[in-house]
PDB file of all heavy atoms in Angstrom:
ATOM      1  N   MET A   1       8.265  67.320 -35.350  1.00  0.00           N
ATOM      2  CA  MET A   1       9.719  67.377 -35.216  1.00  0.00           C
ATOM      3  C   MET A   1      10.161  68.765 -34.764  1.00  0.00           C
ATOM      4  O   MET A   1      11.046  68.910 -33.911  1.00  0.00           O
ATOM      5  CB  MET A   1      10.399  67.006 -36.535  1.00  0.00           C
ATOM      6  CG  MET A   1      10.337  65.517 -36.879  1.00  0.00           C
ATOM      7  SD  MET A   1      10.800  65.169 -38.604  1.00  0.00           S
ATOM      8  CE  MET A   1      12.508  65.758 -38.618  1.00  0.00           C
ATOM      9  N   LEU A   2       9.522  69.789 -35.322  1.00  0.00           N
ATOM     10  CA  LEU A   2       9.850  71.166 -34.932  1.00  0.00           C
ATOM     11  C   LEU A   2       9.507  71.422 -33.473  1.00  0.00           C
ATOM     12  O   LEU A   2      10.277  72.062 -32.739  1.00  0.00           O
ATOM     13  CB  LEU A   2       9.106  72.140 -35.833  1.00  0.00           C
ATOM     14  CG  LEU A   2       9.430  73.624 -35.684  1.00  0.00           C
ATOM     15  CD1 LEU A   2      10.889  73.893 -36.009  1.00  0.00           C
ATOM     16  CD2 LEU A   2       8.528  74.458 -36.590  1.00  0.00           C
ATOM     17  N   LEU A   3       8.374  70.890 -33.013  1.00  0.00           N
ATOM     18  CA  LEU A   3       7.988  71.059 -31.614  1.00  0.00           C
ATOM     19  C   LEU A   3       8.951  70.318 -30.687  1.00  0.00           C
ATOM     20  O   LEU A   3       9.350  70.849 -29.638  1.00  0.00           O
ATOM     21  CB  LEU A   3       6.563  70.548 -31.409  1.00  0.00           C
ATOM     22  CG  LEU A   3       5.998  70.673 -29.990  1.00  0.00           C
ATOM     23  CD1 LEU A   3       5.966  72.131 -29.546  1.00  0.00           C
ATOM     24  CD2 LEU A   3       4.597  70.060 -29.912  1.00  0.00           C
ATOM     25  N   ILE A   4       9.339  69.112 -31.069  1.00  0.00           N
ATOM     26  CA  ILE A   4      10.293  68.343 -30.257  1.00  0.00           C
ATOM     27  C   ILE A   4      11.629  69.067 -30.182  1.00  0.00           C
ATOM     28  O   ILE A   4      12.235  69.181 -29.107  1.00  0.00           O
ATOM     29  CB  ILE A   4      10.473  66.936 -30.847  1.00  0.00           C
ATOM     30  CG1 ILE A   4       9.178  66.133 -30.741  1.00  0.00           C
ATOM     31  CG2 ILE A   4      11.596  66.197 -30.124  1.00  0.00           C
ATOM     32  CD1 ILE A   4       9.187  64.855 -31.565  1.00  0.00           C
ATOM     33  N   GLY A   5      12.105  69.559 -31.330  1.00  0.00           N
ATOM     34  CA  GLY A   5      13.374  70.277 -31.343  1.00  0.00           C
ATOM     35  C   GLY A   5      13.338  71.521 -30.479  1.00  0.00           C
ATOM     36  O   GLY A   5      14.302  71.834 -29.771  1.00  0.00           O
ATOM     37  N   THR A   6      12.211  72.245 -30.508  1.00  0.00           N
ATOM     38  CA  THR A   6      12.084  73.454 -29.695  1.00  0.00           C
ATOM     39  C   THR A   6      12.073  73.116 -28.209  1.00  0.00           C
ATOM     40  O   THR A   6      12.769  73.744 -27.408  1.00  0.00           O
ATOM     41  CB  THR A   6      10.792  74.192 -30.076  1.00  0.00           C
ATOM     42  OG1 THR A   6      10.824  74.542 -31.466  1.00  0.00           O
ATOM     43  CG2 THR A   6      10.629  75.460 -29.238  1.00  0.00           C
ATOM     44  N   GLY A   7      11.277  72.110 -27.837  1.00  0.00           N
ATOM     45  CA  GLY A   7      11.206  71.743 -26.427  1.00  0.00           C
ATOM     46  C   GLY A   7      12.512  71.231 -25.879  1.00  0.00           C
ATOM     47  O   GLY A   7      12.943  71.623 -24.785  1.00  0.00           O
ATOM     48  N   SER A   8      13.189  70.366 -26.620  1.00  0.00           N
ATOM     49  CA  SER A   8      14.440  69.792 -26.127  1.00  0.00           C
ATOM     50  C   SER A   8      15.565  70.807 -26.106  1.00  0.00           C
ATOM     51  O   SER A   8      16.511  70.678 -25.317  1.00  0.00           O
ATOM     52  CB  SER A   8      14.837  68.578 -26.980  1.00  0.00           C
ATOM     53  OG  SER A   8      14.988  68.942 -28.338  1.00  0.00           O
ATOM     54  N   ALA A   9      15.488  71.844 -26.941  1.00  0.00           N
ATOM     55  CA  ALA A   9      16.538  72.861 -26.972  1.00  0.00           C
ATOM     56  C   ALA A   9      16.542  73.744 -25.728  1.00  0.00           C
ATOM     57  O   ALA A   9      17.560  74.364 -25.414  1.00  0.00           O
ATOM     58  CB  ALA A   9      16.394  73.734 -28.223  1.00  0.00           C
ATOM     59  N   ILE A  10      15.406  73.823 -25.026  1.00  0.00           N
ATOM     60  CA  ILE A  10      15.348  74.679 -23.832  1.00  0.00           C
ATOM     61  C   ILE A  10      16.247  74.139 -22.728  1.00  0.00           C
ATOM     62  O   ILE A  10      17.142  74.851 -22.249  1.00  0.00           O
ATOM     63  CB  ILE A  10      13.886  74.840 -23.363  1.00  0.00           C
ATOM     64  CG1 ILE A  10      13.078  75.594 -24.423  1.00  0.00           C
ATOM     65  CG2 ILE A  10      13.841  75.584 -22.025  1.00  0.00           C
ATOM     66  CD1 ILE A  10      11.586  75.672 -24.113  1.00  0.00           C
ATOM     67  N   PRO A  11      16.074  72.896 -22.255  1.00  0.00           N
ATOM     68  CA  PRO A  11      17.013  72.399 -21.236  1.00  0.00           C
ATOM     69  C   PRO A  11      18.416  72.190 -21.787  1.00  0.00           C
ATOM     70  O   PRO A  11      19.390  72.284 -21.032  1.00  0.00           O
ATOM     71  CB  PRO A  11      16.388  71.070 -20.792  1.00  0.00           C
ATOM     72  CG  PRO A  11      15.524  70.647 -21.925  1.00  0.00           C
ATOM     73  CD  PRO A  11      15.006  71.919 -22.530  1.00  0.00           C
ATOM     74  N   TRP A  12      18.534  71.917 -23.086  1.00  0.00           N
ATOM     75  CA  TRP A  12      19.854  71.710 -23.679  1.00  0.00           C
ATOM     76  C   TRP A  12      20.723  72.954 -23.490  1.00  0.00           C
ATOM     77  O   TRP A  12      21.921  72.853 -23.237  1.00  0.00           O
ATOM     78  CB  TRP A  12      19.715  71.389 -25.164  1.00  0.00           C
ATOM     79  CG  TRP A  12      20.947  70.815 -25.772  1.00  0.00           C
ATOM     80  CD1 TRP A  12      22.093  71.490 -26.106  1.00  0.00           C
ATOM     81  CD2 TRP A  12      21.197  69.444 -26.088  1.00  0.00           C
ATOM     82  NE1 TRP A  12      23.029  70.622 -26.620  1.00  0.00           N
ATOM     83  CE2 TRP A  12      22.499  69.363 -26.622  1.00  0.00           C
ATOM     84  CE3 TRP A  12      20.438  68.288 -25.986  1.00  0.00           C
ATOM     85  CZ2 TRP A  12      23.059  68.158 -27.040  1.00  0.00           C
ATOM     86  CZ3 TRP A  12      20.993  67.092 -26.411  1.00  0.00           C
ATOM     87  CH2 TRP A  12      22.285  67.036 -26.928  1.00  0.00           C
ATOM     88  N   GLY A  13      20.131  74.125 -23.606  1.00  0.00           N
ATOM     89  CA  GLY A  13      20.906  75.347 -23.467  1.00  0.00           C
ATOM     90  C   GLY A  13      21.209  75.740 -22.031  1.00  0.00           C
ATOM     91  O   GLY A  13      22.009  76.649 -21.804  1.00  0.00           O
ATOM     92  N   LEU A  14      20.568  75.078 -21.053  1.00  0.00           N
ATOM     93  CA  LEU A  14      20.753  75.449 -19.657  1.00  0.00           C
ATOM     94  C   LEU A  14      21.517  74.409 -18.845  1.00  0.00           C
ATOM     95  O   LEU A  14      22.120  74.747 -17.824  1.00  0.00           O
ATOM     96  CB  LEU A  14      19.387  75.675 -18.992  1.00  0.00           C
ATOM     97  CG  LEU A  14      18.526  76.813 -19.542  1.00  0.00           C
ATOM     98  CD1 LEU A  14      17.149  76.795 -18.889  1.00  0.00           C
ATOM     99  CD2 LEU A  14      19.198  78.156 -19.331  1.00  0.00           C
ATOM    100  N   MET A  15      21.518  73.141 -19.277  1.00  0.00           N
ATOM    101  CA  MET A  15      21.988  72.094 -18.378  1.00  0.00           C
ATOM    102  C   MET A  15      23.493  72.102 -18.163  1.00  0.00           C
ATOM    103  O   MET A  15      23.958  71.729 -17.086  1.00  0.00           O
ATOM    104  CB  MET A  15      21.521  70.715 -18.864  1.00  0.00           C
ATOM    105  CG  MET A  15      21.983  70.301 -20.229  1.00  0.00           C
ATOM    106  SD  MET A  15      21.161  68.734 -20.673  1.00  0.00           S
ATOM    107  CE  MET A  15      21.893  68.410 -22.274  1.00  0.00           C
ATOM    108  N   ASP A  16      24.278  72.551 -19.143  1.00  0.00           N
ATOM    109  CA  ASP A  16      25.721  72.618 -18.910  1.00  0.00           C
ATOM    110  C   ASP A  16      26.049  73.613 -17.803  1.00  0.00           C
ATOM    111  O   ASP A  16      26.873  73.341 -16.921  1.00  0.00           O
ATOM    112  CB  ASP A  16      26.448  73.014 -20.200  1.00  0.00           C
ATOM    113  CG  ASP A  16      26.394  71.918 -21.256  1.00  0.00           C
ATOM    114  OD1 ASP A  16      25.444  71.904 -22.045  1.00  0.00           O
ATOM    115  OD2 ASP A  16      27.300  71.074 -21.270  1.00  0.00           O
ATOM    116  N   GLY A  17      25.416  74.800 -17.868  1.00  0.00           N
ATOM    117  CA  GLY A  17      25.652  75.791 -16.831  1.00  0.00           C
ATOM    118  C   GLY A  17      25.148  75.343 -15.474  1.00  0.00           C
ATOM    119  O   GLY A  17      25.780  75.577 -14.452  1.00  0.00           O
ATOM    120  N   LEU A  18      23.994  74.669 -15.437  1.00  0.00           N
ATOM    121  CA  LEU A  18      23.471  74.152 -14.182  1.00  0.00           C
ATOM    122  C   LEU A  18      24.418  73.148 -13.553  1.00  0.00           C
ATOM    123  O   LEU A  18      24.650  73.162 -12.341  1.00  0.00           O
ATOM    124  CB  LEU A  18      22.114  73.479 -14.418  1.00  0.00           C
ATOM    125  CG  LEU A  18      20.885  74.403 -14.467  1.00  0.00           C
ATOM    126  CD1 LEU A  18      19.682  73.621 -14.953  1.00  0.00           C
ATOM    127  CD2 LEU A  18      20.628  74.998 -13.098  1.00  0.00           C
ATOM    128  N   ALA A  19      24.972  72.266 -14.383  1.00  0.00           N
ATOM    129  CA  ALA A  19      25.851  71.221 -13.857  1.00  0.00           C
ATOM    130  C   ALA A  19      27.081  71.807 -13.179  1.00  0.00           C
ATOM    131  O   ALA A  19      27.578  71.257 -12.193  1.00  0.00           O
ATOM    132  CB  ALA A  19      26.279  70.288 -14.987  1.00  0.00           C
ATOM    133  N   ILE A  20      27.573  72.921 -13.692  1.00  0.00           N
ATOM    134  CA  ILE A  20      28.742  73.572 -13.093  1.00  0.00           C
ATOM    135  C   ILE A  20      28.330  74.407 -11.888  1.00  0.00           C
ATOM    136  O   ILE A  20      29.041  74.486 -10.883  1.00  0.00           O
ATOM    137  CB  ILE A  20      29.445  74.474 -14.130  1.00  0.00           C
ATOM    138  CG1 ILE A  20      29.893  73.642 -15.337  1.00  0.00           C
ATOM    139  CG2 ILE A  20      30.637  75.181 -13.503  1.00  0.00           C
ATOM    140  CD1 ILE A  20      30.928  72.597 -15.027  1.00  0.00           C
ATOM    141  N   SER A  21      27.159  75.041 -11.954  1.00  0.00           N
ATOM    142  CA  SER A  21      26.771  76.012 -10.938  1.00  0.00           C
ATOM    143  C   SER A  21      26.281  75.404  -9.638  1.00  0.00           C
ATOM    144  O   SER A  21      26.199  76.110  -8.638  1.00  0.00           O
ATOM    145  CB  SER A  21      25.675  76.935 -11.501  1.00  0.00           C
ATOM    146  OG  SER A  21      26.161  77.656 -12.601  1.00  0.00           O
ATOM    147  N   VAL A  22      25.927  74.126  -9.645  1.00  0.00           N
ATOM    148  CA  VAL A  22      25.380  73.542  -8.423  1.00  0.00           C
ATOM    149  C   VAL A  22      26.460  72.998  -7.496  1.00  0.00           C
ATOM    150  O   VAL A  22      26.148  72.346  -6.502  1.00  0.00           O
ATOM    151  CB  VAL A  22      24.370  72.418  -8.749  1.00  0.00           C
ATOM    152  CG1 VAL A  22      23.152  72.979  -9.459  1.00  0.00           C
ATOM    153  CG2 VAL A  22      25.015  71.321  -9.579  1.00  0.00           C
ATOM    154  N   VAL A  23      27.731  73.256  -7.804  1.00  0.00           N
ATOM    155  CA  VAL A  23      28.819  72.863  -6.911  1.00  0.00           C
ATOM    156  C   VAL A  23      29.691  74.088  -6.656  1.00  0.00           C
ATOM    157  O   VAL A  23      29.646  75.052  -7.403  1.00  0.00           O
ATOM    158  CB  VAL A  23      29.680  71.720  -7.515  1.00  0.00           C
ATOM    159  CG1 VAL A  23      28.832  70.503  -7.802  1.00  0.00           C
ATOM    160  CG2 VAL A  23      30.410  72.184  -8.765  1.00  0.00           C
ATOM    161  N   PRO A  24      30.493  74.085  -5.600  1.00  0.00           N
ATOM    162  CA  PRO A  24      31.408  75.202  -5.377  1.00  0.00           C
ATOM    163  C   PRO A  24      32.338  75.399  -6.565  1.00  0.00           C
ATOM    164  O   PRO A  24      32.716  74.439  -7.245  1.00  0.00           O
ATOM    165  CB  PRO A  24      32.194  74.769  -4.131  1.00  0.00           C
ATOM    166  CG  PRO A  24      31.287  73.818  -3.437  1.00  0.00           C
ATOM    167  CD  PRO A  24      30.549  73.095  -4.510  1.00  0.00           C
ATOM    168  N   LYS A  25      32.703  76.634  -6.806  1.00  0.00           N
ATOM    169  CA  LYS A  25      33.461  76.999  -8.003  1.00  0.00           C
ATOM    170  C   LYS A  25      34.772  76.253  -8.127  1.00  0.00           C
ATOM    171  O   LYS A  25      35.210  75.892  -9.228  1.00  0.00           O
ATOM    172  CB  LYS A  25      33.706  78.511  -7.972  1.00  0.00           C
ATOM    173  CG  LYS A  25      34.333  79.080  -9.217  1.00  0.00           C
ATOM    174  CD  LYS A  25      34.425  80.599  -9.071  1.00  0.00           C
ATOM    175  CE  LYS A  25      35.111  81.230 -10.267  1.00  0.00           C
ATOM    176  NZ  LYS A  25      35.228  82.689 -10.102  1.00  0.00           N
ATOM    177  N   GLU A  26      35.435  75.981  -6.997  1.00  0.00           N
ATOM    178  CA  GLU A  26      36.743  75.326  -7.068  1.00  0.00           C
ATOM    179  C   GLU A  26      36.644  73.863  -7.491  1.00  0.00           C
ATOM    180  O   GLU A  26      37.648  73.252  -7.839  1.00  0.00           O
ATOM    181  CB  GLU A  26      37.474  75.443  -5.721  1.00  0.00           C
ATOM    182  CG  GLU A  26      36.805  74.724  -4.560  1.00  0.00           C
ATOM    183  CD  GLU A  26      35.808  75.611  -3.845  1.00  0.00           C
ATOM    184  OE1 GLU A  26      35.504  76.696  -4.379  1.00  0.00           O
ATOM    185  OE2 GLU A  26      35.325  75.206  -2.770  1.00  0.00           O
ATOM    186  N   ARG A  27      35.436  73.296  -7.460  1.00  0.00           N
ATOM    187  CA  ARG A  27      35.265  71.912  -7.920  1.00  0.00           C
ATOM    188  C   ARG A  27      34.608  71.864  -9.292  1.00  0.00           C
ATOM    189  O   ARG A  27      33.949  70.882  -9.639  1.00  0.00           O
ATOM    190  CB  ARG A  27      34.426  71.103  -6.918  1.00  0.00           C
ATOM    191  CG  ARG A  27      34.981  71.027  -5.514  1.00  0.00           C
ATOM    192  CD  ARG A  27      36.420  70.541  -5.422  1.00  0.00           C
ATOM    193  NE  ARG A  27      36.697  69.261  -6.053  1.00  0.00           N
ATOM    194  CZ  ARG A  27      36.519  68.079  -5.468  1.00  0.00           C
ATOM    195  NH1 ARG A  27      36.044  68.014  -4.247  1.00  0.00           N
ATOM    196  NH2 ARG A  27      36.832  66.968  -6.110  1.00  0.00           N
ATOM    197  N   ALA A  28      34.792  72.909 -10.091  1.00  0.00           N
ATOM    198  CA  ALA A  28      34.149  72.982 -11.402  1.00  0.00           C
ATOM    199  C   ALA A  28      34.587  71.854 -12.312  1.00  0.00           C
ATOM    200  O   ALA A  28      33.802  71.316 -13.087  1.00  0.00           O
ATOM    201  CB  ALA A  28      34.444  74.338 -12.059  1.00  0.00           C
ATOM    202  N   GLY A  29      35.866  71.502 -12.252  1.00  0.00           N
ATOM    203  CA  GLY A  29      36.356  70.400 -13.079  1.00  0.00           C
ATOM    204  C   GLY A  29      35.680  69.095 -12.720  1.00  0.00           C
ATOM    205  O   GLY A  29      35.302  68.308 -13.586  1.00  0.00           O
ATOM    206  N   MET A  30      35.533  68.846 -11.415  1.00  0.00           N
ATOM    207  CA  MET A  30      34.845  67.639 -10.967  1.00  0.00           C
ATOM    208  C   MET A  30      33.403  67.635 -11.474  1.00  0.00           C
ATOM    209  O   MET A  30      32.913  66.625 -11.992  1.00  0.00           O
ATOM    210  CB  MET A  30      34.877  67.562  -9.439  1.00  0.00           C
ATOM    211  CG  MET A  30      34.166  66.344  -8.848  1.00  0.00           C
ATOM    212  SD  MET A  30      32.408  66.642  -8.509  1.00  0.00           S
ATOM    213  CE  MET A  30      32.520  67.768  -7.124  1.00  0.00           C
ATOM    214  N   ALA A  31      32.725  68.782 -11.362  1.00  0.00           N
ATOM    215  CA  ALA A  31      31.340  68.854 -11.820  1.00  0.00           C
ATOM    216  C   ALA A  31      31.231  68.621 -13.318  1.00  0.00           C
ATOM    217  O   ALA A  31      30.332  67.923 -13.793  1.00  0.00           O
ATOM    218  CB  ALA A  31      30.736  70.216 -11.458  1.00  0.00           C
ATOM    219  N   ALA A  32      32.169  69.221 -14.079  1.00  0.00           N
ATOM    220  CA  ALA A  32      32.157  69.025 -15.530  1.00  0.00           C
ATOM    221  C   ALA A  32      32.376  67.569 -15.887  1.00  0.00           C
ATOM    222  O   ALA A  32      31.728  67.031 -16.792  1.00  0.00           O
ATOM    223  CB  ALA A  32      33.234  69.903 -16.178  1.00  0.00           C
ATOM    224  N   GLY A  33      33.294  66.922 -15.182  1.00  0.00           N
ATOM    225  CA  GLY A  33      33.563  65.514 -15.458  1.00  0.00           C
ATOM    226  C   GLY A  33      32.382  64.626 -15.110  1.00  0.00           C
ATOM    227  O   GLY A  33      32.024  63.728 -15.870  1.00  0.00           O
ATOM    228  N   VAL A  34      31.768  64.866 -13.945  1.00  0.00           N
ATOM    229  CA  VAL A  34      30.622  64.056 -13.529  1.00  0.00           C
ATOM    230  C   VAL A  34      29.459  64.256 -14.500  1.00  0.00           C
ATOM    231  O   VAL A  34      28.812  63.295 -14.937  1.00  0.00           O
ATOM    232  CB  VAL A  34      30.189  64.420 -12.096  1.00  0.00           C
ATOM    233  CG1 VAL A  34      28.885  63.730 -11.730  1.00  0.00           C
ATOM    234  CG2 VAL A  34      31.274  64.028 -11.110  1.00  0.00           C
ATOM    235  N   PHE A  35      29.188  65.518 -14.852  1.00  0.00           N
ATOM    236  CA  PHE A  35      28.087  65.783 -15.780  1.00  0.00           C
ATOM    237  C   PHE A  35      28.374  65.184 -17.151  1.00  0.00           C
ATOM    238  O   PHE A  35      27.483  64.608 -17.787  1.00  0.00           O
ATOM    239  CB  PHE A  35      27.852  67.284 -15.910  1.00  0.00           C
ATOM    240  CG  PHE A  35      26.751  67.626 -16.877  1.00  0.00           C
ATOM    241  CD1 PHE A  35      25.430  67.361 -16.561  1.00  0.00           C
ATOM    242  CD2 PHE A  35      27.047  68.199 -18.103  1.00  0.00           C
ATOM    243  CE1 PHE A  35      24.414  67.676 -17.453  1.00  0.00           C
ATOM    244  CE2 PHE A  35      26.035  68.507 -18.996  1.00  0.00           C
ATOM    245  CZ  PHE A  35      24.711  68.255 -18.674  1.00  0.00           C
ATOM    246  N   GLY A  36      29.616  65.315 -17.615  1.00  0.00           N
ATOM    247  CA  GLY A  36      29.962  64.727 -18.908  1.00  0.00           C
ATOM    248  C   GLY A  36      29.789  63.228 -18.903  1.00  0.00           C
ATOM    249  O   GLY A  36      29.260  62.642 -19.856  1.00  0.00           O
ATOM    250  N   ALA A  37      30.231  62.588 -17.818  1.00  0.00           N
ATOM    251  CA  ALA A  37      30.072  61.138 -17.714  1.00  0.00           C
ATOM    252  C   ALA A  37      28.593  60.766 -17.647  1.00  0.00           C
ATOM    253  O   ALA A  37      28.149  59.796 -18.278  1.00  0.00           O
ATOM    254  CB  ALA A  37      30.808  60.615 -16.485  1.00  0.00           C
ATOM    255  N   SER A  38      27.814  61.546 -16.890  1.00  0.00           N
ATOM    256  CA  SER A  38      26.374  61.289 -16.811  1.00  0.00           C
ATOM    257  C   SER A  38      25.716  61.466 -18.167  1.00  0.00           C
ATOM    258  O   SER A  38      24.848  60.676 -18.568  1.00  0.00           O
ATOM    259  CB  SER A  38      25.713  62.237 -15.799  1.00  0.00           C
ATOM    260  OG  SER A  38      26.242  62.054 -14.509  1.00  0.00           O
ATOM    261  N   ARG A  39      26.141  62.514 -18.887  1.00  0.00           N
ATOM    262  CA  ARG A  39      25.546  62.787 -20.189  1.00  0.00           C
ATOM    263  C   ARG A  39      25.828  61.663 -21.169  1.00  0.00           C
ATOM    264  O   ARG A  39      24.915  61.126 -21.805  1.00  0.00           O
ATOM    265  CB  ARG A  39      26.083  64.113 -20.735  1.00  0.00           C
ATOM    266  CG  ARG A  39      25.720  64.362 -22.189  1.00  0.00           C
ATOM    267  CD  ARG A  39      26.310  65.675 -22.675  1.00  0.00           C
ATOM    268  NE  ARG A  39      25.268  66.651 -22.900  1.00  0.00           N
ATOM    269  CZ  ARG A  39      25.479  67.938 -23.081  1.00  0.00           C
ATOM    270  NH1 ARG A  39      26.689  68.415 -23.027  1.00  0.00           N
ATOM    271  NH2 ARG A  39      24.475  68.757 -23.308  1.00  0.00           N
ATOM    272  N   VAL A  40      27.100  61.285 -21.308  1.00  0.00           N
ATOM    273  CA  VAL A  40      27.454  60.259 -22.288  1.00  0.00           C
ATOM    274  C   VAL A  40      26.842  58.912 -21.909  1.00  0.00           C
ATOM    275  O   VAL A  40      26.278  58.206 -22.749  1.00  0.00           O
ATOM    276  CB  VAL A  40      28.980  60.149 -22.432  1.00  0.00           C
ATOM    277  CG1 VAL A  40      29.352  58.997 -23.350  1.00  0.00           C
ATOM    278  CG2 VAL A  40      29.553  61.458 -22.969  1.00  0.00           C
ATOM    279  N   SER A  41      26.950  58.552 -20.621  1.00  0.00           N
ATOM    280  CA  SER A  41      26.393  57.278 -20.179  1.00  0.00           C
ATOM    281  C   SER A  41      24.865  57.277 -20.314  1.00  0.00           C
ATOM    282  O   SER A  41      24.274  56.309 -20.795  1.00  0.00           O
ATOM    283  CB  SER A  41      26.787  56.994 -18.731  1.00  0.00           C
ATOM    284  OG  SER A  41      28.186  56.918 -18.598  1.00  0.00           O
ATOM    285  N   GLY A  42      24.233  58.373 -19.876  1.00  0.00           N
ATOM    286  CA  GLY A  42      22.782  58.450 -19.959  1.00  0.00           C
ATOM    287  C   GLY A  42      22.285  58.417 -21.389  1.00  0.00           C
ATOM    288  O   GLY A  42      21.310  57.721 -21.712  1.00  0.00           O
ATOM    289  N   GLU A  43      22.946  59.166 -22.277  1.00  0.00           N
ATOM    290  CA  GLU A  43      22.539  59.169 -23.672  1.00  0.00           C
ATOM    291  C   GLU A  43      22.801  57.813 -24.315  1.00  0.00           C
ATOM    292  O   GLU A  43      22.005  57.334 -25.132  1.00  0.00           O
ATOM    293  CB  GLU A  43      23.271  60.282 -24.427  1.00  0.00           C
ATOM    294  CG  GLU A  43      22.804  61.684 -24.008  1.00  0.00           C
ATOM    295  CD  GLU A  43      23.651  62.791 -24.588  1.00  0.00           C
ATOM    296  OE1 GLU A  43      24.737  62.470 -25.145  1.00  0.00           O
ATOM    297  OE2 GLU A  43      23.250  63.962 -24.504  1.00  0.00           O
TER     298      GLU A  43
END
């Protein structure tokens, strides 16, 4: 469980920033919404 928690915490701490950073800054809201929808639907 400790190993799983450690491994999953690595992308968990980076993916929000990645989701915003891979689009132009002025579309940050769109990126946040798409990533949020992907996250909730995917989970």
